[in-house]
Amino acid sequence: MTKPKPKPEAEEEEEDWSSFASADYGDAYDPWADMVPVEEDSPSDDDFEFEEFVEFRPAPAPEGIAHLVKVGTCDWCLARLCGQHLEWSSVEEDGKAIRLAAHEKNPSLAGDADGADGADSGLADYCPFCEELFADLALICKRITDEMSGIEFAKLQIGAHFAKDHVAEEEVLRNRHGAQGSRALKAAFSDAIYHMLKPSFPDAEFVKEHPEIMLLIDTLTLEINVDIRSLYLYGRYRKLERGIPQTRWPCRACKGRDGGCESCEGTGQQYPTSVQDQIGEPLRAAFQAMDTSFHGMGREDIDVRCLGSGRPFVIELKSPQRRVADLVEMTELVNATSAGRVEISELRGSRRSEVARVKGTAADKSYTIRFKIEAETAVEEDRVFEVLEGLVGVTLEQKTPQRVAHRRADKIRKRDVVSVENIEVHGDEAQMSVRVESGTYVKELIHSDEGRTVPSVAGLLEAKCEVIWLDVEDVHAD
């Protein structure tokens, strides 16, 4: 038997691969069987959407203006995109004039011969730039004037919230079809609102920062948000009665929630009043504000009076309906209603930035303190004078007092004693005026807080000392 001759390599390469790929079904395999015919797209009716790919000169060229009219640009956007000087007092009339001139050059832009509005002539009637936002200007301004009725203000800032895709799409269209340097939509809308509101608020100044009212318009929902900024007043207060905290102190039992409790008699406050309310409540009523916040240059303890020229403070009146008042009369009002518990002076207008300055100023303070010396054997008067006079220039090392450890970091603070004056000794009681660095715990300077303040009067006298009373005589803020 003769062996079959092997096929040439060329013949092997020319064998039909489909007989192997179809797993023994090579005769039935059709590699083009799954192909389906595709119908050609019918031409779109929205021809103007494709005209943006047609090369023509943008506005202020006549063909560019004609294109803006054809795609439905409103009168307001025509005026801002056509490269002419923009006068917001007559912008709508200017836009109509531009449209009329385009109609005269190209009558087909005005609609069909029967006076149609363009719906059947290939003309769009919806502005692709502002999405008909300028058509709602009158409604928006009416809502604004209604919302701001009865509010006193001198400075107004206008802001508008736009959808990001709207701003981006308008910018693309404006750069492609509008005149070079055309006013952007967001800025143009704010300018238009400003000029329409100006007659309603002729005395108001429209500003870019530090407004008294921040007006925010949501262009999607046409909602108006009137943010009345706080009114700030600076002054100094003297607390003439002990037992009054500087700011409101929520009830320890109910934390001021749910309308108070039996412990606080439904007030929600640990103490019936405060320096904040003694000053803030008369002012809140006078300026028709919603609430107050109090910012002092430090604070004294509840059982400590604040005398002398007083402690600097800034009172914040939130959302006031009124902003103008005679501050001398306001000072007299606060002092009269407080009935000798709190007095204020030097009341003047302020601003938010001064809050940080007042709270951040590290001012020396002068105190008068009286304390009792308890020892098995009476301490000689000369020894008391010696110890108190020797405190001048001393640097105290004060570990956080136990009475405030729940709200202050536990660390050692170094504070200087600046001066000691007016020392008096009457038997087992002593009194002195002392000026210390800001942040000094003066009571602990006397009784040592179980050795947490070094040196202390108690430690130097080797006797127990108990504070009888303490007054703030001056806050050296200047």
Protein backbone atom coordinates (compact mmCIF):
# COMPACT_ATOMS: atom_id res chain seq x y z
CA MET A 1 0.00 0.00 0.00
CA THR A 2 1.37 3.35 -0.93
CA LYS A 3 1.28 6.20 1.53
CA PRO A 4 -0.68 9.29 0.49
CA LYS A 5 1.46 12.20 -0.45
CA PRO A 6 1.36 15.11 1.99
CA LYS A 7 -0.32 18.23 0.69
CA PRO A 8 1.78 21.26 -0.02
CA GLU A 9 1.83 23.94 2.65
CA ALA A 10 0.06 26.34 0.34
CA GLU A 11 -2.88 23.97 -0.03
CA GLU A 12 -3.09 23.52 3.75
CA GLU A 13 -3.36 27.28 4.24
CA GLU A 14 -6.16 27.51 1.69
CA GLU A 15 -8.43 25.01 3.49
CA ASP A 16 -11.83 26.36 4.58
CA TRP A 17 -11.51 27.29 8.30
CA SER A 18 -15.27 27.29 8.74
CA SER A 19 -15.41 23.49 8.54
CA PHE A 20 -13.47 23.39 11.79
CA ALA A 21 -14.97 26.45 13.56
CA SER A 22 -18.56 25.14 13.18
CA ALA A 23 -17.89 21.87 15.00
CA ASP A 24 -18.71 19.54 12.05
CA TYR A 25 -21.45 21.83 10.73
CA GLY A 26 -19.30 23.58 8.23
CA ASP A 27 -21.70 23.12 5.35
CA ALA A 28 -24.47 24.95 7.23
CA TYR A 29 -22.38 27.75 8.73
CA ASP A 30 -22.99 31.29 7.42
CA PRO A 31 -20.79 33.93 9.09
CA TRP A 32 -23.10 36.72 7.84
CA ALA A 33 -26.37 35.18 9.02
CA ASP A 34 -26.70 37.41 12.10
CA MET A 35 -26.42 40.65 10.13
CA VAL A 36 -29.59 42.76 9.96
CA PRO A 37 -30.30 45.68 7.64
CA VAL A 38 -30.11 49.14 9.24
CA GLU A 39 -32.52 51.80 8.14
CA GLU A 40 -31.11 55.22 7.42
CA ASP A 41 -32.00 57.96 9.88
CA SER A 42 -34.73 60.27 8.74
CA PRO A 43 -33.81 63.93 8.67
CA SER A 44 -34.49 65.79 11.95
CA ASP A 45 -37.16 68.43 12.13
CA ASP A 46 -35.08 70.54 14.50
CA ASP A 47 -32.87 71.96 11.80
CA PHE A 48 -31.77 74.91 13.93
CA GLU A 49 -29.98 72.60 16.38
CA PHE A 50 -27.63 71.56 13.59
CA GLU A 51 -27.06 75.04 12.29
CA GLU A 52 -24.60 75.61 15.06
CA PHE A 53 -22.19 73.52 13.00
CA VAL A 54 -22.67 75.79 10.02
CA GLU A 55 -19.94 78.39 9.85
CA PHE A 56 -21.21 81.97 10.07
CA ARG A 57 -20.09 85.04 11.85
CA PRO A 58 -21.55 85.41 15.35
CA ALA A 59 -23.20 88.57 16.64
CA PRO A 60 -22.92 91.47 16.10
CA ALA A 61 -22.76 90.30 12.47
CA PRO A 62 -26.25 90.36 10.83
CA GLU A 63 -26.24 86.61 10.18
CA GLY A 64 -25.28 86.00 13.82
CA ILE A 65 -28.15 88.16 15.08
CA ALA A 66 -30.51 86.43 12.63
CA HIS A 67 -29.48 83.07 14.05
CA LEU A 68 -30.11 84.27 17.62
CA VAL A 69 -33.61 85.37 16.61
CA LYS A 70 -34.29 82.11 14.82
CA VAL A 71 -33.35 79.90 17.79
CA GLY A 72 -35.76 81.77 20.08
CA THR A 73 -33.49 84.16 21.98
CA CYS A 74 -35.57 86.46 24.22
CA ASP A 75 -35.37 90.26 24.06
CA TRP A 76 -33.24 90.46 27.22
CA CYS A 77 -30.66 88.00 25.91
CA LEU A 78 -30.67 89.60 22.46
CA ALA A 79 -29.67 92.89 24.06
CA ARG A 80 -26.84 91.38 26.12
CA LEU A 81 -25.48 89.12 23.34
CA CYS A 82 -25.48 91.48 20.35
CA GLY A 83 -22.45 93.53 21.29
CA GLN A 84 -24.23 96.82 21.86
CA HIS A 85 -23.85 99.00 24.94
CA LEU A 86 -26.02 97.42 27.61
CA GLU A 87 -28.44 99.75 29.41
CA TRP A 88 -30.50 97.79 31.92
CA SER A 89 -33.05 100.59 32.20
CA SER A 90 -34.06 99.98 28.57
CA VAL A 91 -32.73 96.50 27.90
CA GLU A 92 -36.07 94.95 26.96
CA GLU A 93 -36.87 97.77 24.51
CA ASP A 94 -33.36 97.49 23.06
CA GLY A 95 -33.88 93.77 22.52
CA LYS A 96 -37.18 94.38 20.75
CA ALA A 97 -35.51 96.96 18.49
CA ILE A 98 -32.77 94.47 17.57
CA ARG A 99 -35.40 91.84 16.79
CA LEU A 100 -37.42 94.27 14.65
CA ALA A 101 -34.31 95.25 12.67
CA ALA A 102 -33.57 91.56 12.05
CA HIS A 103 -37.16 91.03 10.84
CA GLU A 104 -36.82 93.91 8.40
CA LYS A 105 -33.64 92.42 6.92
CA ASN A 106 -35.05 88.90 6.86
CA PRO A 107 -38.88 88.82 6.88
CA SER A 108 -38.90 85.03 7.26
CA LEU A 109 -37.75 85.50 10.84
CA ALA A 110 -41.07 87.18 11.71
CA GLY A 111 -43.19 84.07 10.95
CA ASP A 112 -45.33 83.08 7.98
CA ALA A 113 -47.35 85.39 5.84
CA ASP A 114 -50.51 84.85 7.88
CA GLY A 115 -48.93 86.37 10.97
CA ALA A 116 -48.06 83.11 12.72
CA ASP A 117 -45.85 83.31 15.76
CA GLY A 118 -43.19 81.12 14.20
CA ALA A 119 -44.37 77.74 15.48
CA ASP A 120 -44.88 76.42 11.94
CA SER A 121 -42.04 78.28 10.29
CA GLY A 122 -39.07 76.52 11.90
CA LEU A 123 -38.58 79.29 14.47
CA ALA A 124 -38.12 78.42 18.17
CA ASP A 125 -40.07 80.32 20.82
CA TYR A 126 -38.05 79.26 23.90
CA CYS A 127 -34.86 81.11 24.80
CA PRO A 128 -31.99 78.58 24.92
CA PHE A 129 -29.79 81.00 26.86
CA CYS A 130 -31.82 82.03 29.91
CA GLU A 131 -34.54 79.35 29.54
CA GLU A 132 -37.16 82.11 29.85
CA LEU A 133 -35.82 83.22 33.24
CA PHE A 134 -35.90 86.91 32.29
CA ALA A 135 -39.61 86.56 31.53
CA ASP A 136 -40.16 85.97 35.27
CA LEU A 137 -38.27 89.06 36.45
CA ALA A 138 -41.40 91.01 37.35
CA LEU A 139 -42.76 88.09 39.38
CA ILE A 140 -39.43 87.60 41.17
CA CYS A 141 -39.13 91.29 42.08
CA LYS A 142 -42.73 91.32 43.34
CA ARG A 143 -41.93 88.40 45.65
CA ILE A 144 -38.79 90.15 46.87
CA THR A 145 -40.56 93.40 47.75
CA ASP A 146 -43.27 91.44 49.56
CA GLU A 147 -40.71 89.45 51.57
CA MET A 148 -38.73 92.58 52.51
CA SER A 149 -41.72 94.70 53.47
CA GLY A 150 -41.19 96.40 56.83
CA ILE A 151 -37.46 95.56 57.15
CA GLU A 152 -34.99 98.40 57.71
CA PHE A 153 -31.73 98.13 55.82
CA ALA A 154 -29.16 100.25 54.05
CA LYS A 155 -26.98 97.65 52.29
CA LEU A 156 -28.31 94.86 50.08
CA GLN A 157 -26.45 92.09 48.28
CA ILE A 158 -28.09 89.99 45.57
CA GLY A 159 -27.15 86.40 44.84
CA ALA A 160 -28.64 83.82 42.50
CA HIS A 161 -28.43 80.05 42.49
CA PHE A 162 -28.27 78.42 39.06
CA ALA A 163 -28.07 74.79 38.07
CA LYS A 164 -24.47 74.00 37.12
CA ASP A 165 -25.42 72.47 33.77
CA HIS A 166 -27.49 75.55 32.89
CA VAL A 167 -24.55 77.88 33.52
CA ALA A 168 -22.17 75.62 31.59
CA GLU A 169 -24.49 75.24 28.60
CA GLU A 170 -25.21 78.97 28.47
CA GLU A 171 -21.51 79.74 28.48
CA VAL A 172 -20.91 77.40 25.54
CA LEU A 173 -23.75 78.94 23.52
CA ARG A 174 -22.76 82.51 24.46
CA ASN A 175 -19.13 81.99 23.45
CA ARG A 176 -20.20 80.43 20.14
CA HIS A 177 -23.03 82.74 19.07
CA GLY A 178 -22.78 85.88 21.21
CA ALA A 179 -20.65 88.94 20.69
CA GLN A 180 -17.24 88.93 22.30
CA GLY A 181 -17.40 90.23 25.88
CA SER A 182 -21.13 89.55 26.26
CA ARG A 183 -22.39 89.65 29.85
CA ALA A 184 -22.62 86.19 31.44
CA LEU A 185 -26.07 84.92 32.44
CA LYS A 186 -25.55 84.91 36.22
CA ALA A 187 -24.05 88.40 36.34
CA ALA A 188 -26.64 89.74 33.90
CA PHE A 189 -29.50 88.30 35.94
CA SER A 190 -28.21 89.91 39.15
CA ASP A 191 -27.79 93.24 37.34
CA ALA A 192 -31.32 93.03 35.99
CA ILE A 193 -32.75 92.32 39.46
CA TYR A 194 -30.76 95.23 40.86
CA HIS A 195 -32.13 97.71 38.32
CA MET A 196 -35.69 96.50 38.76
CA LEU A 197 -35.47 96.71 42.57
CA LYS A 198 -33.77 100.11 42.69
CA PRO A 199 -37.02 102.13 42.40
CA SER A 200 -38.56 100.12 45.26
CA PHE A 201 -35.55 100.72 47.53
CA PRO A 202 -34.15 104.11 46.47
CA ASP A 203 -32.11 104.63 49.65
CA ALA A 204 -30.47 101.20 49.64
CA GLU A 205 -26.88 100.62 48.61
CA PHE A 206 -26.28 97.48 46.57
CA VAL A 207 -22.98 95.97 47.71
CA LYS A 208 -20.71 92.99 47.01
CA GLU A 209 -19.70 92.38 50.64
CA HIS A 210 -20.81 93.14 54.20
CA PRO A 211 -24.52 93.44 53.41
CA GLU A 212 -27.26 93.99 55.96
CA ILE A 213 -29.56 91.79 53.90
CA MET A 214 -28.38 88.93 51.70
CA LEU A 215 -30.94 88.15 49.02
CA LEU A 216 -30.64 84.69 47.43
CA ILE A 217 -32.82 83.71 44.46
CA ASP A 218 -33.25 80.07 43.40
CA THR A 219 -33.68 80.28 39.63
CA LEU A 220 -35.06 76.74 39.44
CA THR A 221 -37.95 77.18 41.88
CA LEU A 222 -38.07 81.01 41.95
CA GLU A 223 -37.95 80.82 45.75
CA ILE A 224 -36.65 83.90 47.58
CA ASN A 225 -34.45 83.61 50.66
CA VAL A 226 -34.08 86.87 52.61
CA ASP A 227 -31.16 86.49 55.03
CA ILE A 228 -31.23 89.38 57.51
CA ARG A 229 -27.71 89.70 58.84
CA SER A 230 -27.12 90.28 62.55
CA LEU A 231 -26.76 93.74 64.04
CA TYR A 232 -23.75 94.16 66.34
CA LEU A 233 -23.40 96.72 69.14
CA TYR A 234 -20.28 97.28 71.23
CA GLY A 235 -20.26 98.58 74.80
CA ARG A 236 -19.07 98.03 78.37
CA TYR A 237 -21.15 96.57 81.16
CA ARG A 238 -20.96 96.81 84.95
CA LYS A 239 -22.52 93.98 86.95
CA LEU A 240 -23.59 95.51 90.26
CA GLU A 241 -25.27 92.48 91.80
CA ARG A 242 -23.84 89.07 92.64
CA GLY A 243 -25.52 85.84 91.61
CA ILE A 244 -25.98 86.73 87.93
CA PRO A 245 -24.16 84.71 85.21
CA GLN A 246 -22.78 86.50 82.19
CA THR A 247 -24.70 84.42 79.63
CA ARG A 248 -27.74 82.17 79.74
CA TRP A 249 -27.11 79.02 81.74
CA PRO A 250 -29.30 76.05 80.71
CA CYS A 251 -30.97 74.14 83.53
CA ARG A 252 -28.78 71.30 84.81
CA ALA A 253 -31.78 68.98 85.07
CA CYS A 254 -33.55 69.44 81.72
CA LYS A 255 -30.74 71.14 79.75
CA GLY A 256 -33.29 73.73 78.66
CA ARG A 257 -35.20 71.24 76.51
CA ASP A 258 -38.91 70.45 76.23
CA GLY A 259 -40.09 73.71 77.72
CA GLY A 260 -38.19 73.40 80.99
CA CYS A 261 -38.94 71.36 84.10
CA GLU A 262 -40.07 71.76 87.73
CA SER A 263 -36.52 72.48 88.85
CA CYS A 264 -36.26 75.57 86.63
CA GLU A 265 -39.98 76.41 86.85
CA GLY A 266 -40.38 75.96 83.11
CA THR A 267 -37.79 78.58 82.14
CA GLY A 268 -35.16 76.12 80.92
CA GLN A 269 -32.53 78.26 82.70
CA GLN A 270 -30.48 77.50 85.80
CA TYR A 271 -30.67 81.15 86.85
CA PRO A 272 -33.66 83.45 86.35
CA THR A 273 -31.64 86.09 84.48
CA SER A 274 -28.20 86.88 83.10
CA VAL A 275 -26.13 89.82 81.94
CA GLN A 276 -26.98 88.74 78.39
CA ASP A 277 -30.72 89.05 79.03
CA GLN A 278 -30.46 92.19 81.15
CA ILE A 279 -28.79 93.91 78.20
CA GLY A 280 -30.12 91.91 75.28
CA GLU A 281 -33.85 91.67 75.95
CA PRO A 282 -34.58 95.43 75.92
CA LEU A 283 -32.47 95.79 72.78
CA ARG A 284 -34.05 92.75 71.14
CA ALA A 285 -37.52 94.24 71.64
CA ALA A 286 -36.42 97.69 70.45
CA PHE A 287 -34.82 96.35 67.26
CA GLN A 288 -37.47 93.64 66.77
CA ALA A 289 -34.83 90.92 66.60
CA MET A 290 -35.36 87.16 66.85
CA ASP A 291 -32.72 86.45 69.51
CA THR A 292 -29.38 87.59 70.91
CA SER A 293 -25.86 86.27 71.38
CA PHE A 294 -23.46 87.77 73.90
CA HIS A 295 -19.69 88.05 73.37
CA GLY A 296 -17.65 89.35 76.31
CA MET A 297 -13.97 90.03 76.84
CA GLY A 298 -13.64 87.20 79.30
CA ARG A 299 -16.17 86.55 82.06
CA GLU A 300 -16.44 86.85 85.82
CA ASP A 301 -17.82 84.16 88.12
CA ILE A 302 -21.49 84.29 89.06
CA ASP A 303 -20.72 85.48 92.59
CA VAL A 304 -18.33 88.20 91.39
CA ARG A 305 -19.28 91.78 90.62
CA CYS A 306 -17.80 93.71 87.69
CA LEU A 307 -17.21 97.36 88.57
CA GLY A 308 -14.96 100.20 87.42
CA SER A 309 -15.34 101.18 83.77
CA GLY A 310 -16.89 97.80 83.01
CA ARG A 311 -16.12 94.81 80.82
CA PRO A 312 -16.12 95.23 77.00
CA PHE A 313 -18.75 93.24 75.14
CA VAL A 314 -20.46 92.87 71.77
CA ILE A 315 -24.17 92.06 71.71
CA GLU A 316 -25.40 90.33 68.55
CA LEU A 317 -29.04 90.96 67.58
CA LYS A 318 -30.19 88.24 65.21
CA SER A 319 -32.50 88.99 62.26
CA PRO A 320 -33.48 92.50 63.36
CA GLN A 321 -36.39 94.17 61.58
CA ARG A 322 -35.03 97.56 62.67
CA ARG A 323 -31.43 98.71 62.42
CA VAL A 324 -31.61 102.42 63.24
CA ALA A 325 -32.05 103.77 66.76
CA ASP A 326 -30.65 106.44 69.07
CA LEU A 327 -28.01 104.51 71.02
CA VAL A 328 -28.06 107.02 73.87
CA GLU A 329 -31.74 106.22 74.31
CA MET A 330 -30.96 102.50 74.05
CA THR A 331 -28.37 102.88 76.83
CA GLU A 332 -30.90 104.63 79.04
CA LEU A 333 -33.49 101.95 78.25
CA VAL A 334 -31.20 99.10 79.31
CA ASN A 335 -30.08 100.84 82.50
CA ALA A 336 -33.67 101.69 83.45
CA THR A 337 -35.10 98.20 82.86
CA SER A 338 -32.21 96.49 84.68
CA ALA A 339 -33.10 98.32 87.90
CA GLY A 340 -29.59 98.57 89.27
CA ARG A 341 -28.40 95.05 88.51
CA VAL A 342 -26.51 95.78 85.27
CA GLU A 343 -25.44 99.07 83.67
CA ILE A 344 -23.96 99.69 80.24
CA SER A 345 -21.99 102.55 78.72
CA GLU A 346 -20.11 103.51 75.54
CA LEU A 347 -22.73 101.81 73.34
CA ARG A 348 -21.93 102.13 69.63
CA GLY A 349 -22.32 100.28 66.37
CA SER A 350 -20.00 97.36 65.70
CA ARG A 351 -19.48 94.55 63.20
CA ARG A 352 -18.81 90.84 63.22
CA SER A 353 -15.03 91.19 62.98
CA GLU A 354 -14.97 92.97 66.34
CA VAL A 355 -16.38 89.87 68.02
CA ALA A 356 -13.11 88.04 67.37
CA ARG A 357 -11.11 91.01 68.65
CA VAL A 358 -13.12 91.29 71.87
CA LYS A 359 -13.04 87.56 72.59
CA GLY A 360 -9.40 87.20 71.62
CA THR A 361 -7.95 90.17 73.51
CA ALA A 362 -5.76 89.04 76.42
CA ALA A 363 -6.27 92.01 78.74
CA ASP A 364 -4.86 92.36 82.25
CA LYS A 365 -7.49 92.66 84.95
CA SER A 366 -7.54 94.38 88.31
CA TYR A 367 -9.42 92.85 91.25
CA THR A 368 -10.26 93.68 94.81
CA ILE A 369 -10.43 90.56 96.94
CA ARG A 370 -11.22 90.02 100.61
CA PHE A 371 -10.40 86.75 102.34
CA LYS A 372 -10.34 85.16 105.78
CA ILE A 373 -7.21 83.63 107.35
CA GLU A 374 -7.81 80.56 109.48
CA ALA A 375 -4.86 79.38 111.56
CA GLU A 376 -4.32 77.72 114.96
CA THR A 377 -2.30 80.74 116.00
CA ALA A 378 -3.04 84.21 114.68
CA VAL A 379 -0.82 85.30 111.80
CA GLU A 380 0.95 88.57 112.53
CA GLU A 381 -0.19 91.55 110.50
CA ASP A 382 3.35 92.32 109.33
CA ARG A 383 3.65 88.80 108.00
CA VAL A 384 0.44 89.22 105.97
CA PHE A 385 1.74 92.49 104.48
CA GLU A 386 5.06 90.86 103.68
CA VAL A 387 3.46 87.92 101.89
CA LEU A 388 1.00 90.02 99.87
CA GLU A 389 3.58 92.60 98.83
CA GLY A 390 5.95 89.80 97.84
CA LEU A 391 3.51 88.56 95.20
CA VAL A 392 4.42 91.42 92.83
CA GLY A 393 6.24 90.07 89.77
CA VAL A 394 5.72 86.45 90.76
CA THR A 395 4.87 83.91 88.06
CA LEU A 396 2.11 81.59 89.20
CA GLU A 397 1.85 78.00 88.07
CA GLN A 398 -1.82 77.15 88.11
CA LYS A 399 -3.13 73.70 87.40
CA THR A 400 -6.71 73.73 86.12
CA PRO A 401 -8.95 74.40 89.16
CA GLN A 402 -11.20 71.60 90.33
CA ARG A 403 -14.28 73.80 89.97
CA VAL A 404 -13.80 74.13 86.19
CA ALA A 405 -12.01 70.86 85.46
CA HIS A 406 -15.18 69.43 83.88
CA ARG A 407 -15.03 71.97 81.05
CA ARG A 408 -11.35 72.97 80.79
CA ALA A 409 -8.26 71.06 79.76
CA ASP A 410 -6.24 69.78 82.69
CA LYS A 411 -2.91 71.56 82.31
CA ILE A 412 -0.59 73.97 84.09
CA ARG A 413 -0.89 77.65 83.16
CA LYS A 414 1.78 80.24 83.95
CA ARG A 415 0.43 83.70 84.80
CA ASP A 416 2.16 86.81 86.20
CA VAL A 417 1.10 89.00 89.11
CA VAL A 418 1.59 92.57 87.88
CA SER A 419 0.92 94.64 91.00
CA VAL A 420 -0.55 94.53 94.52
CA GLU A 421 -2.01 97.65 96.17
CA ASN A 422 -4.35 98.84 98.92
CA ILE A 423 -3.53 96.09 101.37
CA GLU A 424 -5.72 96.06 104.48
CA VAL A 425 -5.64 93.68 107.44
CA HIS A 426 -8.48 93.59 109.97
CA GLY A 427 -7.97 90.82 112.49
CA ASP A 428 -8.27 87.52 110.68
CA GLU A 429 -9.45 89.16 107.46
CA ALA A 430 -7.32 90.75 104.75
CA GLN A 431 -8.06 92.68 101.60
CA MET A 432 -6.00 93.79 98.61
CA SER A 433 -6.20 95.13 95.07
CA VAL A 434 -4.25 93.00 92.63
CA ARG A 435 -3.57 93.30 88.90
CA VAL A 436 -2.85 90.03 87.14
CA GLU A 437 -2.30 88.69 83.66
CA SER A 438 -5.30 87.62 81.60
CA GLY A 439 -6.48 84.12 82.46
CA THR A 440 -5.36 84.13 86.08
CA TYR A 441 -7.55 82.24 88.56
CA VAL A 442 -7.59 84.85 91.33
CA LYS A 443 -9.52 82.83 93.93
CA GLU A 444 -6.99 80.03 93.61
CA LEU A 445 -4.20 82.57 94.14
CA ILE A 446 -5.64 82.97 97.65
CA HIS A 447 -6.67 79.46 98.75
CA SER A 448 -4.32 77.43 96.49
CA ASP A 449 -7.00 74.89 95.45
CA GLU A 450 -5.36 72.15 97.52
CA GLY A 451 -1.91 73.02 96.22
CA ARG A 452 -2.86 73.26 92.54
CA THR A 453 -1.71 76.93 92.44
CA VAL A 454 1.90 77.64 93.41
CA PRO A 455 2.73 79.97 95.04
CA SER A 456 -0.47 80.98 96.84
CA VAL A 457 -1.30 83.17 99.84
CA ALA A 458 -2.44 80.12 101.81
CA GLY A 459 0.78 78.29 101.05
CA LEU A 460 3.01 81.24 101.92
CA LEU A 461 1.15 81.94 105.19
CA GLU A 462 0.92 78.24 105.96
CA ALA A 463 -2.70 78.81 106.88
CA LYS A 464 -6.11 78.08 105.41
CA CYS A 465 -7.52 81.04 103.45
CA GLU A 466 -11.11 81.39 102.34
CA VAL A 467 -12.33 83.99 99.82
CA ILE A 468 -15.13 86.16 101.22
CA TRP A 469 -15.84 88.21 98.10
CA LEU A 470 -14.22 89.27 94.86
CA ASP A 471 -14.83 92.23 92.56
CA VAL A 472 -13.47 92.98 89.10
CA GLU A 473 -12.27 96.59 89.31
CA ASP A 474 -11.05 97.10 85.75
CA VAL A 475 -10.42 95.33 82.46
CA HIS A 476 -7.35 96.90 80.88
CA ALA A 477 -8.44 96.49 77.27
CA ASP A 478 -6.91 99.69 75.87
